[in-house]
Every structure is written in C-alpha cells, then in structure tokens.
Amino acid sequence: MYKRGFTAGTFDMLHIGHLNLLNAAKKKCDYLIVGVNSDDLVSVYKNKLPIINCQDRMQLINALEIVDQVELMDNLDKVDAWKKFQFDCVFIGDDWKGSSRWIETEEQLKKYGVEVCYLPYTKGVSSTKLAKKIINSKDESRC
C-alpha cells in the first residue's frame, strides 16, 4: 500500500474506464492525487481539444469520493509532477506498459524512489469512441 498515489489524464467525457482506473488506484494508496490535463496540453499532444473544458473535467473528478486532490496539469512530465506533489507511485493503464515513453518514465522516477504501477486497462471504451457513438447515434431512448 502506498501513502500517496498519482495519476493524470484528460478525463474527457468521464466513462467507466476512467472510474475503473481511479478505483483501482485508490485501492492501492491512502491518498490519491489526480491530475487533469489542461485544454492547451491536450490540444498539443492529442492534436484536438477536449469536448468538456478543463474546469468542468476537474469538477467532475473532484466530485468522486475516491479522489483526495485534483490538480490542473500543464505538461506530461511525471518528474515535474513528483516535485510538486511528492507521491510514492504513479498509476497508469497497462496498455502503456513496455512503451518507450513509460520505460523512460520508470527510470526517471526510480531515482526519486517512485514506482510506476500498471493497472488493468478497460478495453473497448474511450472518450473518442464515445464521441463518435454520440455523433452517429439516432436512438436517444436508452436507459
């Protein structure tokens, strides 16, 4: 069990994959810090703006009782995040495991005694897929 955990993301169109990741992270730490990527940051690395603005996304994440602290993120640098928030572990979906970006992040964070914990990725759901489904949907009468 970690004292302070950290994860970050866009969290656009909050969905079950987001909740699964946040629930799994909270089970592994006493205090969960969630970074919400700014609109400008998302625009740079995803080459598109989120559907929901960052202030609203932060409010949605903050409303979850499993989240202890919400922070606006203006870069993807996890060492920079650690310097600000002093966490023991970074949580990320296991779909990133083995990627060059996260291998490098593991090496960088190890110098500070921080672990990277890969959590199960929820397959088949994403904000991009939800947006496309909404655009293509003709049936609004679902429960």
C-alpha atoms as a PDB file:
ATOM      1  CA  MET A   1       0.000   0.000   0.000  1.00  0.00           C
ATOM      2  CA  TYR A   2       1.325   3.414  -0.993  1.00  0.00           C
ATOM      3  CA  LYS A   3       0.846   6.594   1.056  1.00  0.00           C
ATOM      4  CA  ARG A   4       0.388   8.985  -1.874  1.00  0.00           C
ATOM      5  CA  GLY A   5      -0.540   7.928  -5.371  1.00  0.00           C
ATOM      6  CA  PHE A   6      -0.794   9.971  -8.546  1.00  0.00           C
ATOM      7  CA  THR A   7      -2.421   9.562 -11.906  1.00  0.00           C
ATOM      8  CA  ALA A   8      -3.207  12.038 -14.642  1.00  0.00           C
ATOM      9  CA  GLY A   9      -5.264  12.148 -17.775  1.00  0.00           C
ATOM     10  CA  THR A  10      -7.643  14.108 -19.909  1.00  0.00           C
ATOM     11  CA  PHE A  11     -10.771  12.513 -18.395  1.00  0.00           C
ATOM     12  CA  ASP A  12     -12.886  13.870 -21.228  1.00  0.00           C
ATOM     13  CA  MET A  13     -16.427  12.500 -21.231  1.00  0.00           C
ATOM     14  CA  LEU A  14     -15.953  10.644 -17.934  1.00  0.00           C
ATOM     15  CA  HIS A  15     -16.592   6.938 -18.543  1.00  0.00           C
ATOM     16  CA  ILE A  16     -16.295   3.501 -16.927  1.00  0.00           C
ATOM     17  CA  GLY A  17     -12.660   3.119 -17.999  1.00  0.00           C
ATOM     18  CA  HIS A  18     -11.791   6.256 -16.034  1.00  0.00           C
ATOM     19  CA  LEU A  19     -13.705   5.002 -12.997  1.00  0.00           C
ATOM     20  CA  ASN A  20     -12.063   1.586 -13.186  1.00  0.00           C
ATOM     21  CA  LEU A  21      -8.593   3.151 -13.237  1.00  0.00           C
ATOM     22  CA  LEU A  22      -9.335   5.576 -10.394  1.00  0.00           C
ATOM     23  CA  ASN A  23     -10.969   2.877  -8.227  1.00  0.00           C
ATOM     24  CA  ALA A  24      -8.026   0.519  -8.761  1.00  0.00           C
ATOM     25  CA  ALA A  25      -5.558   3.310  -7.948  1.00  0.00           C
ATOM     26  CA  LYS A  26      -7.389   4.290  -4.755  1.00  0.00           C
ATOM     27  CA  LYS A  27      -7.312   0.666  -3.557  1.00  0.00           C
ATOM     28  CA  LYS A  28      -3.506   0.854  -3.702  1.00  0.00           C
ATOM     29  CA  CYS A  29      -2.935   4.158  -1.875  1.00  0.00           C
ATOM     30  CA  ASP A  30      -4.138   6.119   1.137  1.00  0.00           C
ATOM     31  CA  TYR A  31      -4.250   9.452  -0.678  1.00  0.00           C
ATOM     32  CA  LEU A  32      -4.981   9.775  -4.410  1.00  0.00           C
ATOM     33  CA  ILE A  33      -3.932  12.844  -6.393  1.00  0.00           C
ATOM     34  CA  VAL A  34      -5.447  13.132  -9.854  1.00  0.00           C
ATOM     35  CA  GLY A  35      -4.017  15.464 -12.461  1.00  0.00           C
ATOM     36  CA  VAL A  36      -6.387  16.730 -15.134  1.00  0.00           C
ATOM     37  CA  ASN A  37      -4.611  17.765 -18.315  1.00  0.00           C
ATOM     38  CA  SER A  38      -5.272  21.347 -19.389  1.00  0.00           C
ATOM     39  CA  ASP A  39      -7.076  22.088 -22.625  1.00  0.00           C
ATOM     40  CA  ASP A  40      -3.879  23.551 -24.097  1.00  0.00           C
ATOM     41  CA  LEU A  41      -1.858  20.456 -23.167  1.00  0.00           C
ATOM     42  CA  VAL A  42      -4.451  18.127 -24.699  1.00  0.00           C
ATOM     43  CA  SER A  43      -4.508  20.260 -27.828  1.00  0.00           C
ATOM     44  CA  VAL A  44      -0.732  19.844 -28.183  1.00  0.00           C
ATOM     45  CA  TYR A  45      -0.373  16.093 -27.578  1.00  0.00           C
ATOM     46  CA  LYS A  46      -3.712  14.842 -28.958  1.00  0.00           C
ATOM     47  CA  ASN A  47      -3.985  17.468 -31.676  1.00  0.00           C
ATOM     48  CA  LYS A  48      -7.600  18.204 -30.694  1.00  0.00           C
ATOM     49  CA  LEU A  49      -9.472  19.995 -27.942  1.00  0.00           C
ATOM     50  CA  PRO A  50     -11.414  18.025 -25.331  1.00  0.00           C
ATOM     51  CA  ILE A  51     -15.188  18.102 -25.620  1.00  0.00           C
ATOM     52  CA  ILE A  52     -15.519  19.117 -21.950  1.00  0.00           C
ATOM     53  CA  ASN A  53     -13.379  22.052 -20.781  1.00  0.00           C
ATOM     54  CA  CYS A  54     -10.733  21.532 -18.096  1.00  0.00           C
ATOM     55  CA  GLN A  55     -12.611  23.381 -15.325  1.00  0.00           C
ATOM     56  CA  ASP A  56     -15.631  21.113 -15.777  1.00  0.00           C
ATOM     57  CA  ARG A  57     -13.452  17.992 -16.042  1.00  0.00           C
ATOM     58  CA  MET A  58     -11.710  18.974 -12.802  1.00  0.00           C
ATOM     59  CA  GLN A  59     -15.083  19.420 -11.063  1.00  0.00           C
ATOM     60  CA  LEU A  60     -16.251  16.005 -12.243  1.00  0.00           C
ATOM     61  CA  ILE A  61     -13.095  14.292 -10.956  1.00  0.00           C
ATOM     62  CA  ASN A  62     -13.206  16.265  -7.702  1.00  0.00           C
ATOM     63  CA  ALA A  63     -16.783  15.087  -7.088  1.00  0.00           C
ATOM     64  CA  LEU A  64     -15.606  11.468  -6.834  1.00  0.00           C
ATOM     65  CA  GLU A  65     -15.142  10.483  -3.192  1.00  0.00           C
ATOM     66  CA  ILE A  66     -12.232   8.196  -4.104  1.00  0.00           C
ATOM     67  CA  VAL A  67     -10.215  11.236  -5.227  1.00  0.00           C
ATOM     68  CA  ASP A  68      -8.449  13.202  -2.498  1.00  0.00           C
ATOM     69  CA  GLN A  69      -6.881  16.008  -4.540  1.00  0.00           C
ATOM     70  CA  VAL A  70      -7.302  17.324  -8.094  1.00  0.00           C
ATOM     71  CA  GLU A  71      -4.638  19.352  -9.880  1.00  0.00           C
ATOM     72  CA  LEU A  72      -4.518  21.005 -13.288  1.00  0.00           C
ATOM     73  CA  MET A  73      -1.598  19.676 -15.353  1.00  0.00           C
ATOM     74  CA  ASP A  74       0.178  21.753 -17.988  1.00  0.00           C
ATOM     75  CA  ASN A  75       2.742  19.121 -19.031  1.00  0.00           C
ATOM     76  CA  LEU A  76       3.180  15.341 -19.186  1.00  0.00           C
ATOM     77  CA  ASP A  77       6.440  15.256 -17.186  1.00  0.00           C
ATOM     78  CA  LYS A  78       5.967  12.924 -14.210  1.00  0.00           C
ATOM     79  CA  VAL A  79       9.198  14.057 -12.511  1.00  0.00           C
ATOM     80  CA  ASP A  80       7.851  17.608 -12.583  1.00  0.00           C
ATOM     81  CA  ALA A  81       4.597  16.304 -11.082  1.00  0.00           C
ATOM     82  CA  TRP A  82       6.545  14.447  -8.365  1.00  0.00           C
ATOM     83  CA  LYS A  83       8.442  17.613  -7.447  1.00  0.00           C
ATOM     84  CA  LYS A  84       5.086  19.348  -6.916  1.00  0.00           C
ATOM     85  CA  PHE A  85       3.131  16.564  -5.197  1.00  0.00           C
ATOM     86  CA  GLN A  86       5.665  14.118  -3.639  1.00  0.00           C
ATOM     87  CA  PHE A  87       3.862  10.827  -4.415  1.00  0.00           C
ATOM     88  CA  ASP A  88       5.131   7.261  -3.922  1.00  0.00           C
ATOM     89  CA  CYS A  89       3.575   5.751  -7.021  1.00  0.00           C
ATOM     90  CA  VAL A  90       2.248   6.756 -10.432  1.00  0.00           C
ATOM     91  CA  PHE A  91      -0.735   4.772 -11.709  1.00  0.00           C
ATOM     92  CA  ILE A  92      -1.226   4.240 -15.436  1.00  0.00           C
ATOM     93  CA  GLY A  93      -3.182   1.842 -17.623  1.00  0.00           C
ATOM     94  CA  ASP A  94      -1.347  -1.355 -18.542  1.00  0.00           C
ATOM     95  CA  ASP A  95      -1.839  -0.562 -22.233  1.00  0.00           C
ATOM     96  CA  TRP A  96       1.215   1.715 -21.787  1.00  0.00           C
ATOM     97  CA  LYS A  97       3.429  -0.986 -20.248  1.00  0.00           C
ATOM     98  CA  GLY A  98       6.596  -1.550 -22.262  1.00  0.00           C
ATOM     99  CA  SER A  99       6.244   1.649 -24.301  1.00  0.00           C
ATOM    100  CA  SER A 100       9.422   3.678 -24.706  1.00  0.00           C
ATOM    101  CA  ARG A 101       7.781   6.674 -23.013  1.00  0.00           C
ATOM    102  CA  TRP A 102       6.931   4.702 -19.875  1.00  0.00           C
ATOM    103  CA  ILE A 103      10.175   2.736 -19.742  1.00  0.00           C
ATOM    104  CA  GLU A 104      11.946   6.108 -19.669  1.00  0.00           C
ATOM    105  CA  THR A 105       9.473   7.433 -17.066  1.00  0.00           C
ATOM    106  CA  GLU A 106      10.122   4.383 -14.847  1.00  0.00           C
ATOM    107  CA  GLU A 107      13.880   5.029 -14.997  1.00  0.00           C
ATOM    108  CA  GLN A 108      13.464   8.738 -14.227  1.00  0.00           C
ATOM    109  CA  LEU A 109      11.122   8.171 -11.275  1.00  0.00           C
ATOM    110  CA  LYS A 110      13.224   5.349  -9.808  1.00  0.00           C
ATOM    111  CA  LYS A 111      15.842   7.996  -8.907  1.00  0.00           C
ATOM    112  CA  TYR A 112      13.253   9.518  -6.546  1.00  0.00           C
ATOM    113  CA  GLY A 113      12.061   6.209  -5.110  1.00  0.00           C
ATOM    114  CA  VAL A 114       8.792   6.382  -7.040  1.00  0.00           C
ATOM    115  CA  GLU A 115       7.238   3.281  -8.560  1.00  0.00           C
ATOM    116  CA  VAL A 116       5.078   3.005 -11.658  1.00  0.00           C
ATOM    117  CA  CYS A 117       2.075   0.760 -11.130  1.00  0.00           C
ATOM    118  CA  TYR A 118       0.291  -0.519 -14.234  1.00  0.00           C
ATOM    119  CA  LEU A 119      -3.431  -1.046 -13.725  1.00  0.00           C
ATOM    120  CA  PRO A 120      -5.822  -3.001 -15.948  1.00  0.00           C
ATOM    121  CA  TYR A 121      -6.922  -1.003 -18.967  1.00  0.00           C
ATOM    122  CA  THR A 122     -10.642  -1.174 -19.760  1.00  0.00           C
ATOM    123  CA  LYS A 123     -10.777  -2.331 -23.356  1.00  0.00           C
ATOM    124  CA  GLY A 124     -13.342  -1.071 -25.817  1.00  0.00           C
ATOM    125  CA  VAL A 125     -14.140   2.281 -24.217  1.00  0.00           C
ATOM    126  CA  SER A 126     -12.616   5.711 -24.777  1.00  0.00           C
ATOM    127  CA  SER A 127     -13.796   9.298 -24.955  1.00  0.00           C
ATOM    128  CA  THR A 128     -13.028   9.313 -28.685  1.00  0.00           C
ATOM    129  CA  LYS A 129     -15.202   6.225 -29.236  1.00  0.00           C
ATOM    130  CA  LEU A 130     -17.993   7.724 -27.113  1.00  0.00           C
ATOM    131  CA  ALA A 131     -17.930  10.964 -29.095  1.00  0.00           C
ATOM    132  CA  LYS A 132     -18.185   9.052 -32.383  1.00  0.00           C
ATOM    133  CA  LYS A 133     -21.024   6.959 -30.986  1.00  0.00           C
ATOM    134  CA  ILE A 134     -22.933  10.084 -29.945  1.00  0.00           C
ATOM    135  CA  ILE A 135     -22.436  11.706 -33.344  1.00  0.00           C
ATOM    136  CA  ASN A 136     -23.624   8.548 -35.128  1.00  0.00           C
ATOM    137  CA  SER A 137     -26.444   7.733 -32.708  1.00  0.00           C
ATOM    138  CA  LYS A 138     -30.020   8.069 -33.869  1.00  0.00           C
ATOM    139  CA  ASP A 139     -31.631   6.395 -30.864  1.00  0.00           C
ATOM    140  CA  GLU A 140     -31.769   8.694 -27.828  1.00  0.00           C
ATOM    141  CA  SER A 141     -34.173   6.499 -25.847  1.00  0.00           C
ATOM    142  CA  ARG A 142     -31.716   4.316 -23.940  1.00  0.00           C
ATOM    143  CA  CYS A 143     -31.571   3.551 -20.277  1.00  0.00           C
END
